[in-house]
Amino acid sequence: MSAYLVFTREETLEPSELALYKEMVVPTLGTFELKILAAYGAHEVLEGAPTEGVVIVEFPTVELAKAWYTSPAYEAARAHRFKGAKYRCILVQGV
C-alpha cells in the first residue's frame, strides 16, 4: 500500500543551509522508488498556520518511506534542513 511523506516548511532560518540540503538530497531520490508529487508549487492554506512551502513524496510502501527517511544519505542531508528551516514532516499511509 502506498505511503506519503508530507513536508511543510513553516519558517526559513538559514537559506545557505537549505541550499546545502537541496544539493545533498537530490542524489538520495533515485534509490527508494519514490515519486515527487508536489514541490513548492503555488499553494493556499485553508486551515491552520501559514506555511512557506509544501513537498509531497509518494512511496510504494510505508517501509520504503521510512527506509529513505532513515537512510544515512538522507540523514546527512536532513541535518542541513533542520538548520535551515522549521519543518513538519508527516508520514501517511495511502488507501
N, C-alpha and C. Protein backbone atom coordinates (compact mmCIF):
# COMPACT_ATOMS: atom_id res chain seq x y z
N MET A 1 0.85 -1.18 0.00
CA MET A 1 0.00 0.00 0.00
C MET A 1 0.89 1.24 0.00
N SER A 2 0.54 2.22 -0.80
CA SER A 2 1.36 3.43 -0.93
C SER A 2 1.43 4.20 0.38
N ALA A 3 2.45 5.03 0.45
CA ALA A 3 2.67 5.89 1.62
C ALA A 3 3.18 7.23 1.13
N TYR A 4 2.92 8.26 1.92
CA TYR A 4 3.29 9.62 1.52
C TYR A 4 4.01 10.32 2.66
N LEU A 5 5.09 11.01 2.32
CA LEU A 5 5.73 11.93 3.25
C LEU A 5 5.31 13.33 2.83
N VAL A 6 4.77 14.07 3.76
CA VAL A 6 4.31 15.43 3.50
C VAL A 6 5.18 16.36 4.34
N PHE A 7 5.95 17.18 3.66
CA PHE A 7 6.83 18.15 4.32
C PHE A 7 6.20 19.53 4.19
N THR A 8 6.13 20.26 5.29
CA THR A 8 5.70 21.66 5.22
C THR A 8 6.78 22.52 5.86
N ARG A 9 7.22 23.50 5.10
CA ARG A 9 8.21 24.44 5.62
C ARG A 9 7.45 25.59 6.26
N GLU A 10 7.68 25.76 7.56
CA GLU A 10 6.97 26.77 8.32
C GLU A 10 7.71 28.10 8.37
N GLU A 11 9.04 28.03 8.44
CA GLU A 11 9.83 29.27 8.54
C GLU A 11 11.27 29.01 8.14
N THR A 12 11.79 29.81 7.23
CA THR A 12 13.19 29.72 6.84
C THR A 12 14.05 30.40 7.90
N LEU A 13 15.12 29.70 8.29
CA LEU A 13 16.06 30.24 9.29
C LEU A 13 17.38 30.63 8.65
N GLU A 14 17.90 29.78 7.76
CA GLU A 14 19.22 30.00 7.17
C GLU A 14 19.21 29.47 5.73
N PRO A 15 19.04 30.36 4.75
CA PRO A 15 18.97 29.93 3.35
C PRO A 15 20.18 29.13 2.88
N SER A 16 21.36 29.43 3.36
CA SER A 16 22.55 28.69 2.91
C SER A 16 22.49 27.22 3.34
N GLU A 17 21.89 26.95 4.50
CA GLU A 17 21.72 25.56 4.94
C GLU A 17 20.69 24.83 4.07
N LEU A 18 19.65 25.54 3.67
CA LEU A 18 18.67 24.93 2.77
C LEU A 18 19.28 24.64 1.41
N ALA A 19 20.18 25.49 0.96
CA ALA A 19 20.87 25.25 -0.31
C ALA A 19 21.72 23.98 -0.22
N LEU A 20 22.41 23.78 0.90
CA LEU A 20 23.18 22.55 1.10
C LEU A 20 22.27 21.34 1.14
N TYR A 21 21.14 21.47 1.80
CA TYR A 21 20.17 20.38 1.86
C TYR A 21 19.73 20.00 0.45
N LYS A 22 19.34 20.97 -0.35
CA LYS A 22 18.87 20.71 -1.71
C LYS A 22 19.94 19.99 -2.52
N GLU A 23 21.17 20.42 -2.38
CA GLU A 23 22.28 19.79 -3.09
C GLU A 23 22.49 18.35 -2.65
N MET A 24 22.37 18.09 -1.36
CA MET A 24 22.63 16.76 -0.82
C MET A 24 21.45 15.80 -0.99
N VAL A 25 20.24 16.33 -1.04
CA VAL A 25 19.07 15.45 -1.10
C VAL A 25 18.86 14.86 -2.49
N VAL A 26 19.23 15.58 -3.52
CA VAL A 26 18.98 15.12 -4.89
C VAL A 26 19.54 13.71 -5.15
N PRO A 27 20.78 13.40 -4.76
CA PRO A 27 21.29 12.05 -5.02
C PRO A 27 20.52 10.95 -4.28
N THR A 28 19.79 11.27 -3.23
CA THR A 28 19.06 10.24 -2.48
C THR A 28 17.74 9.87 -3.14
N LEU A 29 17.29 10.65 -4.10
CA LEU A 29 15.94 10.49 -4.64
C LEU A 29 15.76 9.29 -5.55
N GLY A 30 16.82 8.78 -6.15
CA GLY A 30 16.68 7.69 -7.10
C GLY A 30 16.79 6.30 -6.53
N THR A 31 16.87 6.16 -5.23
CA THR A 31 17.21 4.85 -4.66
C THR A 31 16.06 4.15 -3.93
N PHE A 32 14.90 4.77 -3.78
CA PHE A 32 13.83 4.17 -2.98
C PHE A 32 12.48 4.16 -3.68
N GLU A 33 12.47 4.15 -5.00
CA GLU A 33 11.23 4.07 -5.77
C GLU A 33 10.25 5.19 -5.41
N LEU A 34 10.75 6.35 -5.07
CA LEU A 34 9.88 7.45 -4.68
C LEU A 34 9.47 8.28 -5.88
N LYS A 35 8.37 8.99 -5.71
CA LYS A 35 7.86 9.87 -6.77
C LYS A 35 7.46 11.18 -6.10
N ILE A 36 8.03 12.29 -6.57
CA ILE A 36 7.68 13.60 -6.03
C ILE A 36 6.39 14.06 -6.69
N LEU A 37 5.36 14.25 -5.88
CA LEU A 37 4.05 14.65 -6.39
C LEU A 37 3.86 16.16 -6.38
N ALA A 38 4.48 16.84 -5.43
CA ALA A 38 4.40 18.30 -5.34
C ALA A 38 5.68 18.79 -4.68
N ALA A 39 6.16 19.95 -5.14
CA ALA A 39 7.39 20.51 -4.58
C ALA A 39 7.36 22.03 -4.68
N TYR A 40 6.93 22.65 -3.64
CA TYR A 40 6.96 24.11 -3.50
C TYR A 40 6.18 24.84 -4.59
N GLY A 41 5.13 24.22 -5.10
CA GLY A 41 4.27 24.88 -6.06
C GLY A 41 3.36 25.88 -5.35
N ALA A 42 2.59 26.57 -6.14
CA ALA A 42 1.62 27.51 -5.56
C ALA A 42 0.70 26.73 -4.62
N HIS A 43 0.42 27.31 -3.48
CA HIS A 43 -0.45 26.65 -2.50
C HIS A 43 -1.26 27.69 -1.76
N GLU A 44 -2.32 27.22 -1.15
CA GLU A 44 -3.20 28.09 -0.37
C GLU A 44 -3.55 27.37 0.93
N VAL A 45 -3.24 27.96 2.05
CA VAL A 45 -3.57 27.38 3.34
C VAL A 45 -5.04 27.67 3.63
N LEU A 46 -5.83 26.63 3.73
CA LEU A 46 -7.26 26.78 4.01
C LEU A 46 -7.58 26.68 5.48
N GLU A 47 -6.72 26.00 6.23
CA GLU A 47 -6.89 25.86 7.69
C GLU A 47 -5.51 25.84 8.33
N GLY A 48 -5.41 26.36 9.51
CA GLY A 48 -4.15 26.29 10.27
C GLY A 48 -3.20 27.42 9.97
N ALA A 49 -2.00 27.25 10.51
CA ALA A 49 -0.95 28.28 10.41
C ALA A 49 -0.42 28.39 8.99
N PRO A 50 0.08 29.55 8.64
CA PRO A 50 0.68 29.74 7.32
C PRO A 50 1.88 28.82 7.12
N THR A 51 2.17 28.50 5.87
CA THR A 51 3.33 27.69 5.53
C THR A 51 4.02 28.31 4.32
N GLU A 52 5.34 28.20 4.29
CA GLU A 52 6.11 28.75 3.18
C GLU A 52 6.11 27.83 1.96
N GLY A 53 5.97 26.54 2.19
CA GLY A 53 6.02 25.61 1.07
C GLY A 53 5.68 24.20 1.49
N VAL A 54 5.33 23.38 0.50
CA VAL A 54 4.91 22.00 0.74
C VAL A 54 5.57 21.09 -0.28
N VAL A 55 6.01 19.92 0.20
CA VAL A 55 6.52 18.86 -0.67
C VAL A 55 5.78 17.58 -0.29
N ILE A 56 5.30 16.86 -1.31
CA ILE A 56 4.62 15.58 -1.09
C ILE A 56 5.37 14.53 -1.90
N VAL A 57 5.82 13.47 -1.21
CA VAL A 57 6.59 12.41 -1.84
C VAL A 57 5.84 11.10 -1.65
N GLU A 58 5.66 10.37 -2.75
CA GLU A 58 4.96 9.08 -2.72
C GLU A 58 5.97 7.94 -2.74
N PHE A 59 5.70 6.91 -1.94
CA PHE A 59 6.49 5.69 -1.89
C PHE A 59 5.56 4.51 -2.08
N PRO A 60 6.05 3.38 -2.58
CA PRO A 60 5.20 2.21 -2.73
C PRO A 60 4.70 1.64 -1.40
N THR A 61 5.51 1.81 -0.34
CA THR A 61 5.15 1.25 0.97
C THR A 61 5.63 2.17 2.10
N VAL A 62 5.04 1.99 3.26
CA VAL A 62 5.48 2.71 4.46
C VAL A 62 6.93 2.34 4.76
N GLU A 63 7.26 1.08 4.59
CA GLU A 63 8.61 0.61 4.89
C GLU A 63 9.66 1.32 4.03
N LEU A 64 9.37 1.49 2.74
CA LEU A 64 10.32 2.21 1.87
C LEU A 64 10.42 3.68 2.24
N ALA A 65 9.31 4.29 2.63
CA ALA A 65 9.34 5.69 3.06
C ALA A 65 10.24 5.85 4.29
N LYS A 66 10.06 4.95 5.25
CA LYS A 66 10.89 5.00 6.46
C LYS A 66 12.35 4.68 6.15
N ALA A 67 12.57 3.75 5.23
CA ALA A 67 13.95 3.38 4.87
C ALA A 67 14.66 4.58 4.24
N TRP A 68 13.97 5.33 3.38
CA TRP A 68 14.59 6.53 2.79
C TRP A 68 14.85 7.57 3.86
N TYR A 69 13.83 7.85 4.69
CA TYR A 69 13.94 8.89 5.70
C TYR A 69 15.08 8.62 6.69
N THR A 70 15.31 7.35 7.00
CA THR A 70 16.35 6.99 7.97
C THR A 70 17.66 6.55 7.32
N SER A 71 17.75 6.63 5.99
CA SER A 71 18.99 6.23 5.31
C SER A 71 20.12 7.18 5.69
N PRO A 72 21.34 6.68 5.74
CA PRO A 72 22.47 7.55 6.08
C PRO A 72 22.60 8.76 5.17
N ALA A 73 22.35 8.59 3.88
CA ALA A 73 22.48 9.72 2.95
C ALA A 73 21.44 10.79 3.24
N TYR A 74 20.19 10.36 3.50
CA TYR A 74 19.17 11.37 3.78
C TYR A 74 19.36 11.98 5.17
N GLU A 75 19.79 11.18 6.13
CA GLU A 75 20.05 11.74 7.48
C GLU A 75 21.09 12.85 7.41
N ALA A 76 22.13 12.67 6.58
CA ALA A 76 23.16 13.70 6.44
C ALA A 76 22.58 14.97 5.83
N ALA A 77 21.74 14.80 4.81
CA ALA A 77 21.10 15.96 4.18
C ALA A 77 20.12 16.62 5.14
N ARG A 78 19.36 15.80 5.83
CA ARG A 78 18.32 16.29 6.74
C ARG A 78 18.89 17.22 7.83
N ALA A 79 20.11 16.96 8.25
CA ALA A 79 20.74 17.81 9.27
C ALA A 79 20.79 19.26 8.80
N HIS A 80 21.01 19.47 7.52
CA HIS A 80 21.05 20.84 6.97
C HIS A 80 19.64 21.42 6.87
N ARG A 81 18.65 20.58 6.60
CA ARG A 81 17.27 21.06 6.57
C ARG A 81 16.86 21.54 7.95
N PHE A 82 17.24 20.81 8.98
CA PHE A 82 16.91 21.21 10.36
C PHE A 82 17.55 22.55 10.71
N LYS A 83 18.77 22.80 10.23
CA LYS A 83 19.44 24.07 10.50
C LYS A 83 18.87 25.20 9.64
N GLY A 84 18.34 24.85 8.48
CA GLY A 84 17.90 25.85 7.53
C GLY A 84 16.48 26.36 7.70
N ALA A 85 15.62 25.55 8.33
CA ALA A 85 14.23 25.97 8.42
C ALA A 85 13.48 25.12 9.45
N LYS A 86 12.35 25.64 9.86
CA LYS A 86 11.43 24.87 10.69
C LYS A 86 10.48 24.14 9.74
N TYR A 87 10.45 22.83 9.87
CA TYR A 87 9.62 21.97 9.03
C TYR A 87 8.74 21.07 9.87
N ARG A 88 7.72 20.58 9.26
CA ARG A 88 6.96 19.44 9.78
C ARG A 88 7.02 18.37 8.71
N CYS A 89 7.12 17.13 9.13
CA CYS A 89 7.10 16.01 8.21
C CYS A 89 6.12 14.98 8.75
N ILE A 90 5.18 14.59 7.92
CA ILE A 90 4.15 13.63 8.32
C ILE A 90 4.19 12.45 7.36
N LEU A 91 4.19 11.25 7.91
CA LEU A 91 4.10 10.03 7.13
C LEU A 91 2.65 9.56 7.19
N VAL A 92 2.04 9.38 6.02
CA VAL A 92 0.65 8.94 5.99
C VAL A 92 0.52 7.78 5.01
N GLN A 93 -0.20 6.76 5.45
CA GLN A 93 -0.43 5.59 4.61
C GLN A 93 -1.58 5.87 3.65
N GLY A 94 -1.43 5.46 2.40
CA GLY A 94 -2.48 5.64 1.41
C GLY A 94 -3.64 4.67 1.64
N VAL A 95 -4.67 4.87 0.84
CA VAL A 95 -5.85 4.00 0.95
C VAL A 95 -5.91 3.05 -0.22
